[in-house]
C-alpha atoms as a PDB file:
ATOM      1  CA  MET A   1       5.410 -17.534   7.246  1.00  0.00           C
ATOM      2  CA  PRO A   2       2.142 -15.612   7.493  1.00  0.00           C
ATOM      3  CA  ARG A   3      -0.155 -15.065   4.586  1.00  0.00           C
ATOM      4  CA  HIS A   4       0.730 -11.636   3.311  1.00  0.00           C
ATOM      5  CA  ARG A   5       0.199  -9.110   0.548  1.00  0.00           C
ATOM      6  CA  GLU A   6       2.404  -6.132  -0.408  1.00  0.00           C
ATOM      7  CA  LEU A   7       1.670  -3.049  -2.421  1.00  0.00           C
ATOM      8  CA  THR A   8       3.501   0.085  -3.336  1.00  0.00           C
ATOM      9  CA  LEU A   9       1.675   3.409  -3.263  1.00  0.00           C
ATOM     10  CA  GLN A  10       2.611   6.915  -4.354  1.00  0.00           C
ATOM     11  CA  SER A  11       3.014   9.506  -1.567  1.00  0.00           C
ATOM     12  CA  ARG A  12      -0.234  11.170  -2.271  1.00  0.00           C
ATOM     13  CA  LEU A  13      -3.319  11.474  -0.008  1.00  0.00           C
ATOM     14  CA  SER A  14      -5.428  10.425  -2.965  1.00  0.00           C
ATOM     15  CA  GLU A  15      -3.911   6.921  -2.540  1.00  0.00           C
ATOM     16  CA  LEU A  16      -5.714   6.524   0.810  1.00  0.00           C
ATOM     17  CA  SER A  17      -8.858   5.117  -0.886  1.00  0.00           C
ATOM     18  CA  GLN A  18      -6.840   2.393  -2.615  1.00  0.00           C
ATOM     19  CA  LEU A  19      -5.088   1.581   0.627  1.00  0.00           C
ATOM     20  CA  GLY A  20      -8.405   1.250   2.421  1.00  0.00           C
ATOM     21  CA  ARG A  21      -9.851  -1.020  -0.352  1.00  0.00           C
ATOM     22  CA  GLU A  22      -6.775  -3.225  -0.278  1.00  0.00           C
ATOM     23  CA  LEU A  23      -6.801  -3.562   3.507  1.00  0.00           C
ATOM     24  CA  ARG A  24     -10.576  -4.377   3.595  1.00  0.00           C
ATOM     25  CA  GLN A  25     -10.116  -6.977   0.836  1.00  0.00           C
ATOM     26  CA  PHE A  26      -7.172  -8.565   2.673  1.00  0.00           C
ATOM     27  CA  CYS A  27      -9.087  -8.715   5.931  1.00  0.00           C
ATOM     28  CA  ALA A  28     -12.192 -10.175   4.186  1.00  0.00           C
ATOM     29  CA  GLU A  29      -9.962 -13.041   2.957  1.00  0.00           C
ATOM     30  CA  CYS A  30      -8.433 -13.712   6.410  1.00  0.00           C
ATOM     31  CA  SER A  31      -9.277 -17.085   7.841  1.00  0.00           C
ATOM     32  CA  GLY A  32      -7.673 -16.688  11.275  1.00  0.00           C
ATOM     33  CA  PRO A  33      -8.148 -13.530  13.277  1.00  0.00           C
ATOM     34  CA  ALA A  34     -11.603 -12.648  14.270  1.00  0.00           C
ATOM     35  CA  LEU A  35     -11.554  -9.004  13.281  1.00  0.00           C
ATOM     36  CA  ASP A  36     -15.097  -7.859  13.220  1.00  0.00           C
ATOM     37  CA  GLU A  37     -16.330  -4.879  11.188  1.00  0.00           C
ATOM     38  CA  GLN A  38     -15.380  -2.467  14.028  1.00  0.00           C
ATOM     39  CA  GLY A  39     -11.905  -3.983  14.255  1.00  0.00           C
ATOM     40  CA  VAL A  40     -11.351  -3.636  10.542  1.00  0.00           C
ATOM     41  CA  SER A  41     -12.651  -0.085  10.579  1.00  0.00           C
ATOM     42  CA  GLU A  42     -10.345   0.824  13.492  1.00  0.00           C
ATOM     43  CA  LEU A  43      -7.368  -0.703  11.749  1.00  0.00           C
ATOM     44  CA  GLU A  44      -8.265   1.071   8.491  1.00  0.00           C
ATOM     45  CA  LEU A  45      -8.421   4.416  10.300  1.00  0.00           C
ATOM     46  CA  ALA A  46      -5.058   3.813  12.030  1.00  0.00           C
ATOM     47  CA  VAL A  47      -3.435   2.844   8.669  1.00  0.00           C
ATOM     48  CA  ASN A  48      -4.952   5.964   6.991  1.00  0.00           C
ATOM     49  CA  GLU A  49      -3.582   8.190   9.789  1.00  0.00           C
ATOM     50  CA  ALA A  50      -0.161   6.534   9.473  1.00  0.00           C
ATOM     51  CA  MET A  51       0.014   6.948   5.693  1.00  0.00           C
ATOM     52  CA  SER A  52      -1.208  10.591   6.018  1.00  0.00           C
ATOM     53  CA  ASN A  53       1.621  11.228   8.473  1.00  0.00           C
ATOM     54  CA  VAL A  54       4.164   9.719   6.061  1.00  0.00           C
ATOM     55  CA  VAL A  55       2.892  11.869   3.164  1.00  0.00           C
ATOM     56  CA  LYS A  56       2.674  15.099   5.173  1.00  0.00           C
ATOM     57  CA  HIS A  57       5.671  14.721   7.530  1.00  0.00           C
ATOM     58  CA  ALA A  58       8.177  12.111   6.386  1.00  0.00           C
ATOM     59  CA  TYR A  59       7.940  13.180   2.728  1.00  0.00           C
ATOM     60  CA  ARG A  60       6.774  16.768   3.477  1.00  0.00           C
ATOM     61  CA  GLY A  61       4.150  16.586   0.804  1.00  0.00           C
ATOM     62  CA  ARG A  62       6.653  15.715  -2.009  1.00  0.00           C
ATOM     63  CA  GLU A  63       4.946  13.676  -4.690  1.00  0.00           C
ATOM     64  CA  GLY A  64       6.836  11.088  -6.611  1.00  0.00           C
ATOM     65  CA  GLU A  65       8.034   9.304  -3.460  1.00  0.00           C
ATOM     66  CA  THR A  66       6.740   5.829  -2.679  1.00  0.00           C
ATOM     67  CA  LEU A  67       5.448   4.020   0.331  1.00  0.00           C
ATOM     68  CA  ARG A  68       5.497   0.235   0.637  1.00  0.00           C
ATOM     69  CA  VAL A  69       2.779  -1.486   2.625  1.00  0.00           C
ATOM     70  CA  ARG A  70       2.653  -5.077   3.841  1.00  0.00           C
ATOM     71  CA  PHE A  71      -0.390  -6.733   5.274  1.00  0.00           C
ATOM     72  CA  GLU A  72       0.144  -9.956   7.264  1.00  0.00           C
ATOM     73  CA  GLU A  73      -2.376 -12.458   8.592  1.00  0.00           C
ATOM     74  CA  TRP A  74      -1.308 -14.291  11.757  1.00  0.00           C
ATOM     75  CA  PRO A  75      -3.552 -16.747  13.661  1.00  0.00           C
ATOM     76  CA  ASP A  76      -4.578 -14.128  16.261  1.00  0.00           C
ATOM     77  CA  ARG A  77      -3.932 -10.803  14.570  1.00  0.00           C
ATOM     78  CA  VAL A  78      -3.563  -8.674  11.431  1.00  0.00           C
ATOM     79  CA  VAL A  79      -0.306  -6.720  11.110  1.00  0.00           C
ATOM     80  CA  VAL A  80       0.212  -3.810   8.783  1.00  0.00           C
ATOM     81  CA  ARG A  81       3.739  -2.501   8.114  1.00  0.00           C
ATOM     82  CA  LEU A  82       4.388   0.763   6.339  1.00  0.00           C
ATOM     83  CA  PHE A  83       7.850   1.433   4.927  1.00  0.00           C
ATOM     84  CA  ASP A  84       9.145   4.712   3.643  1.00  0.00           C
ATOM     85  CA  ARG A  85      12.438   6.549   2.988  1.00  0.00           C
ATOM     86  CA  GLY A  86      11.385   9.856   4.310  1.00  0.00           C
ATOM     87  CA  SER A  87      12.673  11.968   7.238  1.00  0.00           C
ATOM     88  CA  ALA A  88      13.419  10.210  10.543  1.00  0.00           C
ATOM     89  CA  PHE A  89      10.811  10.471  13.193  1.00  0.00           C
ATOM     90  CA  ASP A  90      10.963  10.451  16.977  1.00  0.00           C
ATOM     91  CA  PRO A  91       7.609   9.528  18.490  1.00  0.00           C
ATOM     92  CA  SER A  92       8.686  10.514  21.933  1.00  0.00           C
ATOM     93  CA  ALA A  93       9.193  14.128  20.697  1.00  0.00           C
ATOM     94  CA  VAL A  94       5.539  14.563  19.777  1.00  0.00           C
ATOM     95  CA  PRO A  95       3.583  16.413  22.420  1.00  0.00           C
ATOM     96  CA  GLN A  96       0.322  15.055  23.744  1.00  0.00           C
ATOM     97  CA  PRO A  97      -2.504  16.752  21.860  1.00  0.00           C
ATOM     98  CA  ARG A  98      -5.025  19.032  23.520  1.00  0.00           C
ATOM     99  CA  LEU A  99      -8.389  17.426  23.283  1.00  0.00           C
ATOM    100  CA  ASP A 100     -10.352  20.602  23.734  1.00  0.00           C
ATOM    101  CA  GLY A 101     -11.068  21.171  20.072  1.00  0.00           C
ATOM    102  CA  THR A 102      -8.544  23.995  19.646  1.00  0.00           C
ATOM    103  CA  GLU A 103      -6.153  21.966  17.460  1.00  0.00           C
ATOM    104  CA  GLU A 104      -6.932  21.085  13.858  1.00  0.00           C
ATOM    105  CA  SER A 105      -4.147  18.543  13.546  1.00  0.00           C
ATOM    106  CA  GLY A 106      -1.729  16.609  15.717  1.00  0.00           C
ATOM    107  CA  LEU A 107      -4.080  13.787  16.652  1.00  0.00           C
ATOM    108  CA  GLY A 108      -2.656  11.135  14.348  1.00  0.00           C
ATOM    109  CA  LEU A 109      -0.404   9.325  16.885  1.00  0.00           C
ATOM    110  CA  PHE A 110      -2.929   9.781  19.608  1.00  0.00           C
ATOM    111  CA  LEU A 111      -5.614   8.052  17.454  1.00  0.00           C
ATOM    112  CA  ILE A 112      -3.246   5.328  16.160  1.00  0.00           C
ATOM    113  CA  ALA A 113      -2.305   4.415  19.772  1.00  0.00           C
ATOM    114  CA  ARG A 114      -5.974   4.014  20.684  1.00  0.00           C
ATOM    115  CA  LEU A 115      -7.062   2.187  17.509  1.00  0.00           C
ATOM    116  CA  VAL A 116      -4.547  -0.625  17.453  1.00  0.00           C
ATOM    117  CA  ASP A 117      -3.271  -3.040  20.100  1.00  0.00           C
ATOM    118  CA  GLU A 118       0.437  -2.403  19.337  1.00  0.00           C
ATOM    119  CA  HIS A 119       2.364   0.150  17.263  1.00  0.00           C
ATOM    120  CA  ARG A 120       6.129   0.485  16.825  1.00  0.00           C
ATOM    121  CA  TYR A 121       8.353   2.803  14.799  1.00  0.00           C
ATOM    122  CA  ASP A 122      11.812   1.731  13.696  1.00  0.00           C
ATOM    123  CA  ARG A 123      14.437   3.244  11.434  1.00  0.00           C
ATOM    124  CA  SER A 124      17.040   1.034   9.751  1.00  0.00           C
ATOM    125  CA  SER A 125      20.700   1.980   9.465  1.00  0.00           C
ATOM    126  CA  GLY A 126      19.998   2.271   5.703  1.00  0.00           C
ATOM    127  CA  GLY A 127      17.459   5.041   6.303  1.00  0.00           C
ATOM    128  CA  GLU A 128      14.200   3.144   5.921  1.00  0.00           C
ATOM    129  CA  ASN A 129      11.378   3.963   8.273  1.00  0.00           C
ATOM    130  CA  ALA A 130       9.054   1.139   9.390  1.00  0.00           C
ATOM    131  CA  LEU A 131       5.768   1.587  11.249  1.00  0.00           C
ATOM    132  CA  THR A 132       4.215  -1.629  12.505  1.00  0.00           C
ATOM    133  CA  LEU A 133       0.518  -1.617  13.485  1.00  0.00           C
ATOM    134  CA  VAL A 134      -1.035  -4.742  15.129  1.00  0.00           C
ATOM    135  CA  LYS A 135      -4.725  -5.380  15.562  1.00  0.00           C
ATOM    136  CA  ARG A 136      -5.667  -8.518  17.451  1.00  0.00           C
ATOM    137  CA  GLY A 137      -8.829 -10.534  16.971  1.00  0.00           C
ATOM    138  CA  ARG A 138     -11.130 -10.818  19.885  1.00  0.00           C
ATOM    139  CA  ALA A 139     -10.952 -14.113  21.674  1.00  0.00           C
ATOM    140  CA  GLY A 140     -13.906 -16.355  21.153  1.00  0.00           C
ATOM    141  CA  GLU A 141     -15.312 -14.380  18.195  1.00  0.00           C
ATOM    142  CA  THR A 142     -16.031 -16.028  14.910  1.00  0.00           C
ATOM    143  CA  ARG A 143     -15.928 -14.283  11.603  1.00  0.00           C
ATOM    144  CA  SER A 144     -19.163 -13.463   9.928  1.00  0.00           C
ATOM    145  CA  GLY A 145     -19.733 -12.487   6.376  1.00  0.00           C
END
């Protein structure tokens, strides 16, 4: 069983700062994966994009809903899982964004895919959405700090 931490957040964008603090603290306490500062920052940005998408799209901005987050430390990676009970989501239905500066939104999935090593969306038969984000340590690196 990996070392892990879970937290429950309200479906508000103002919760992003707490999520970032919790993720950074968890990563600072990791003994295994060699996530350097850039790796932690990339994972934090991906997690922020994912939570923003849940708040804006799965819950359609409704406050009072909750989002459960689980951080896991594995020997070679950090895994973040976000669970919600919002609307279902089909990642294959999202069009590729135009990267010419004409769109103000729609880059979330594009960014997530480039910031983490793996990402997967699942929906349980009970109606729970789960987004899994995986960030691997770089081979041969040692943690500093």
